[in-house]
Amino acid sequence: FSVFAGDQVVNLINQGRSAGVHAVLATQSLADIQKKGGDALLGQILNNTNNYLIQRQNNPTDAEILANVIGTEDTFVVTTQVSTDMAQSAMGSVRETKSFTVHPDEIKRCQVGEAILVNKQSFQCCHLKVNPHSL
């Protein structure tokens, strides 16, 4: 895909979406898209696509961008107070926070045959693992 990346691809995605036609784009890394059209092209493609099949990304920036595209969820952080003798006390706190639905480290640690499937329309995310012996 990255060989053909450019404004014409964004037009194809936009026109296809309005006509109910789906395009399947594949690239090794987000940097391949950025090389062709910079951050603007990458942003257009990410804004106009809703389904992602993400395999291991070795570039920490790519993993961070993809984790941000997937989004965050509400979680709670529970803390506890520990005394100097390492004994746990009854003191602590609970606070609400946001955390990545899929952490960038999960994306960087995918093994061969593993991927993260993301559907932004239904806000679903699942981890896939292909058994190489079933192919």
C-alpha atoms as a PDB file:
ATOM      1  CA  PHE A   1       0.000   0.000   0.000  1.00  0.00           C
ATOM      2  CA  SER A   2       2.695   2.509   0.938  1.00  0.00           C
ATOM      3  CA  VAL A   3       3.999   2.494  -2.652  1.00  0.00           C
ATOM      4  CA  PHE A   4       0.693   4.054  -3.781  1.00  0.00           C
ATOM      5  CA  ALA A   5       0.049   6.210  -0.709  1.00  0.00           C
ATOM      6  CA  GLY A   6      -1.071   9.724  -1.534  1.00  0.00           C
ATOM      7  CA  ASP A   7      -4.091  11.976  -1.904  1.00  0.00           C
ATOM      8  CA  GLN A   8      -5.596   9.621  -4.494  1.00  0.00           C
ATOM      9  CA  VAL A   9      -5.797   6.871  -1.859  1.00  0.00           C
ATOM     10  CA  VAL A  10      -7.573   9.179   0.596  1.00  0.00           C
ATOM     11  CA  ASN A  11     -10.045  10.089  -2.175  1.00  0.00           C
ATOM     12  CA  LEU A  12     -10.573   6.391  -2.913  1.00  0.00           C
ATOM     13  CA  ILE A  13     -11.257   5.658   0.770  1.00  0.00           C
ATOM     14  CA  ASN A  14     -13.689   8.588   1.081  1.00  0.00           C
ATOM     15  CA  GLN A  15     -15.590   7.838  -2.126  1.00  0.00           C
ATOM     16  CA  GLY A  16     -15.644   4.110  -1.420  1.00  0.00           C
ATOM     17  CA  ARG A  17     -16.980   4.631   2.096  1.00  0.00           C
ATOM     18  CA  SER A  18     -19.859   6.782   0.873  1.00  0.00           C
ATOM     19  CA  ALA A  19     -20.695   4.140  -1.769  1.00  0.00           C
ATOM     20  CA  GLY A  20     -20.545   1.269   0.751  1.00  0.00           C
ATOM     21  CA  VAL A  21     -17.317  -0.131  -0.713  1.00  0.00           C
ATOM     22  CA  HIS A  22     -14.566  -1.185   1.663  1.00  0.00           C
ATOM     23  CA  ALA A  23     -10.860  -0.803   1.000  1.00  0.00           C
ATOM     24  CA  VAL A  24      -8.243  -3.003   2.616  1.00  0.00           C
ATOM     25  CA  LEU A  25      -4.945  -1.203   3.129  1.00  0.00           C
ATOM     26  CA  ALA A  26      -1.799  -2.869   4.392  1.00  0.00           C
ATOM     27  CA  THR A  27       1.567  -1.420   5.273  1.00  0.00           C
ATOM     28  CA  GLN A  28       4.528  -2.569   7.326  1.00  0.00           C
ATOM     29  CA  SER A  29       4.636   0.557   9.468  1.00  0.00           C
ATOM     30  CA  LEU A  30       3.105   3.992   9.862  1.00  0.00           C
ATOM     31  CA  ALA A  31       6.474   5.470   8.897  1.00  0.00           C
ATOM     32  CA  ASP A  32       5.961   4.117   5.365  1.00  0.00           C
ATOM     33  CA  ILE A  33       2.851   6.296   5.029  1.00  0.00           C
ATOM     34  CA  GLN A  34       4.573   9.285   6.603  1.00  0.00           C
ATOM     35  CA  LYS A  35       7.475   8.940   4.178  1.00  0.00           C
ATOM     36  CA  LYS A  36       5.061   9.338   1.250  1.00  0.00           C
ATOM     37  CA  GLY A  37       2.877  12.135   2.561  1.00  0.00           C
ATOM     38  CA  GLY A  38       3.959  13.210   6.014  1.00  0.00           C
ATOM     39  CA  ASP A  39       1.826  13.487   9.118  1.00  0.00           C
ATOM     40  CA  ALA A  40      -1.065  15.006   7.148  1.00  0.00           C
ATOM     41  CA  LEU A  41      -1.508  11.886   4.991  1.00  0.00           C
ATOM     42  CA  LEU A  42      -1.161   9.589   8.005  1.00  0.00           C
ATOM     43  CA  GLY A  43      -3.784  11.616   9.858  1.00  0.00           C
ATOM     44  CA  GLN A  44      -6.200  11.490   6.914  1.00  0.00           C
ATOM     45  CA  ILE A  45      -5.859   7.735   6.595  1.00  0.00           C
ATOM     46  CA  LEU A  46      -6.282   7.131  10.337  1.00  0.00           C
ATOM     47  CA  ASN A  47      -9.301   9.462  10.435  1.00  0.00           C
ATOM     48  CA  ASN A  48     -10.999   7.700   7.532  1.00  0.00           C
ATOM     49  CA  THR A  49     -10.503   4.098   8.609  1.00  0.00           C
ATOM     50  CA  ASN A  50     -12.359   2.211  11.337  1.00  0.00           C
ATOM     51  CA  ASN A  51     -10.942  -1.308  11.399  1.00  0.00           C
ATOM     52  CA  TYR A  52      -7.358  -2.203  12.192  1.00  0.00           C
ATOM     53  CA  LEU A  53      -5.428  -5.439  12.308  1.00  0.00           C
ATOM     54  CA  ILE A  54      -2.295  -4.503  14.214  1.00  0.00           C
ATOM     55  CA  GLN A  55       0.708  -6.774  14.409  1.00  0.00           C
ATOM     56  CA  ARG A  56       3.939  -6.164  16.314  1.00  0.00           C
ATOM     57  CA  GLN A  57       5.376  -2.705  15.896  1.00  0.00           C
ATOM     58  CA  ASN A  58       9.040  -2.332  16.782  1.00  0.00           C
ATOM     59  CA  ASN A  59       8.971   1.456  16.489  1.00  0.00           C
ATOM     60  CA  PRO A  60       7.803   2.858  19.860  1.00  0.00           C
ATOM     61  CA  THR A  61       6.275   5.911  18.151  1.00  0.00           C
ATOM     62  CA  ASP A  62       4.112   3.724  15.872  1.00  0.00           C
ATOM     63  CA  ALA A  63       2.964   1.647  18.865  1.00  0.00           C
ATOM     64  CA  GLU A  64       2.079   4.833  20.770  1.00  0.00           C
ATOM     65  CA  ILE A  65       0.141   6.309  17.821  1.00  0.00           C
ATOM     66  CA  LEU A  66      -1.820   3.089  17.338  1.00  0.00           C
ATOM     67  CA  ALA A  67      -2.565   2.791  21.066  1.00  0.00           C
ATOM     68  CA  ASN A  68      -3.893   6.367  20.966  1.00  0.00           C
ATOM     69  CA  VAL A  69      -6.028   5.546  17.909  1.00  0.00           C
ATOM     70  CA  ILE A  70      -7.536   2.600  19.788  1.00  0.00           C
ATOM     71  CA  GLY A  71      -8.230   4.877  22.738  1.00  0.00           C
ATOM     72  CA  THR A  72      -8.518   4.743  26.494  1.00  0.00           C
ATOM     73  CA  GLU A  73     -10.954   3.437  29.064  1.00  0.00           C
ATOM     74  CA  ASP A  74     -11.911   4.462  32.582  1.00  0.00           C
ATOM     75  CA  THR A  75     -10.061   2.539  35.271  1.00  0.00           C
ATOM     76  CA  PHE A  76      -9.294   2.909  38.961  1.00  0.00           C
ATOM     77  CA  VAL A  77      -5.882   3.148  40.565  1.00  0.00           C
ATOM     78  CA  VAL A  78      -5.667   1.757  44.077  1.00  0.00           C
ATOM     79  CA  THR A  79      -2.746   2.841  46.214  1.00  0.00           C
ATOM     80  CA  THR A  80      -1.693   1.645  49.628  1.00  0.00           C
ATOM     81  CA  GLN A  81       0.599   3.194  52.173  1.00  0.00           C
ATOM     82  CA  VAL A  82       3.607   1.190  53.294  1.00  0.00           C
ATOM     83  CA  SER A  83       5.512   1.944  56.484  1.00  0.00           C
ATOM     84  CA  THR A  84       9.287   2.037  56.724  1.00  0.00           C
ATOM     85  CA  ASP A  85       9.330  -1.564  57.965  1.00  0.00           C
ATOM     86  CA  MET A  86       7.486  -2.541  54.714  1.00  0.00           C
ATOM     87  CA  ALA A  87       4.316  -3.438  56.606  1.00  0.00           C
ATOM     88  CA  GLN A  88       1.100  -2.456  54.867  1.00  0.00           C
ATOM     89  CA  SER A  89      -1.049   0.049  56.729  1.00  0.00           C
ATOM     90  CA  ALA A  90      -4.764   0.649  56.418  1.00  0.00           C
ATOM     91  CA  MET A  91      -4.116   3.916  54.574  1.00  0.00           C
ATOM     92  CA  GLY A  92      -4.514   4.253  50.831  1.00  0.00           C
ATOM     93  CA  SER A  93      -6.524   5.821  48.052  1.00  0.00           C
ATOM     94  CA  VAL A  94      -8.660   4.987  45.070  1.00  0.00           C
ATOM     95  CA  ARG A  95      -8.855   7.352  42.130  1.00  0.00           C
ATOM     96  CA  GLU A  96     -10.413   7.208  38.696  1.00  0.00           C
ATOM     97  CA  THR A  97      -8.088   7.521  35.728  1.00  0.00           C
ATOM     98  CA  LYS A  98      -7.811   6.735  32.022  1.00  0.00           C
ATOM     99  CA  SER A  99      -5.610   3.949  30.705  1.00  0.00           C
ATOM    100  CA  PHE A 100      -4.919   2.610  27.242  1.00  0.00           C
ATOM    101  CA  THR A 101      -7.382  -0.032  26.072  1.00  0.00           C
ATOM    102  CA  VAL A 102      -4.352  -1.657  24.436  1.00  0.00           C
ATOM    103  CA  HIS A 103      -1.078  -0.453  25.906  1.00  0.00           C
ATOM    104  CA  PRO A 104       1.753   0.364  23.452  1.00  0.00           C
ATOM    105  CA  ASP A 105       3.841  -2.341  25.131  1.00  0.00           C
ATOM    106  CA  GLU A 106       1.222  -4.951  24.166  1.00  0.00           C
ATOM    107  CA  ILE A 107       1.597  -3.855  20.544  1.00  0.00           C
ATOM    108  CA  LYS A 108       5.395  -4.049  20.777  1.00  0.00           C
ATOM    109  CA  ARG A 109       5.231  -7.537  22.349  1.00  0.00           C
ATOM    110  CA  CYS A 110       2.990  -9.293  19.820  1.00  0.00           C
ATOM    111  CA  GLN A 111       4.568 -12.570  18.792  1.00  0.00           C
ATOM    112  CA  VAL A 112       4.561 -14.132  15.336  1.00  0.00           C
ATOM    113  CA  GLY A 113       0.968 -15.063  14.538  1.00  0.00           C
ATOM    114  CA  GLU A 114      -0.506 -12.607  17.056  1.00  0.00           C
ATOM    115  CA  ALA A 115      -2.453  -9.462  16.220  1.00  0.00           C
ATOM    116  CA  ILE A 116      -4.871  -6.993  17.751  1.00  0.00           C
ATOM    117  CA  LEU A 117      -8.154  -6.542  15.895  1.00  0.00           C
ATOM    118  CA  VAL A 118      -9.862  -3.196  16.441  1.00  0.00           C
ATOM    119  CA  ASN A 119     -13.329  -2.161  15.269  1.00  0.00           C
ATOM    120  CA  LYS A 120     -13.828   1.541  16.017  1.00  0.00           C
ATOM    121  CA  GLN A 121     -17.480   1.499  14.929  1.00  0.00           C
ATOM    122  CA  SER A 122     -18.537  -0.906  17.683  1.00  0.00           C
ATOM    123  CA  PHE A 123     -15.607   0.009  19.978  1.00  0.00           C
ATOM    124  CA  GLN A 124     -14.470  -3.596  20.183  1.00  0.00           C
ATOM    125  CA  CYS A 125     -10.943  -4.833  20.505  1.00  0.00           C
ATOM    126  CA  CYS A 126      -9.658  -8.395  20.708  1.00  0.00           C
ATOM    127  CA  HIS A 127      -6.356 -10.220  20.607  1.00  0.00           C
ATOM    128  CA  LEU A 128      -5.968 -12.849  17.902  1.00  0.00           C
ATOM    129  CA  LYS A 129      -3.520 -15.700  17.744  1.00  0.00           C
ATOM    130  CA  VAL A 130      -3.162 -17.848  14.653  1.00  0.00           C
ATOM    131  CA  ASN A 131      -1.979 -21.382  15.213  1.00  0.00           C
ATOM    132  CA  PRO A 132       0.733 -21.887  12.561  1.00  0.00           C
ATOM    133  CA  HIS A 133      -0.098 -25.603  12.442  1.00  0.00           C
ATOM    134  CA  SER A 134      -3.668 -24.852  11.304  1.00  0.00           C
ATOM    135  CA  LEU A 135      -2.514 -23.116   8.114  1.00  0.00           C
END
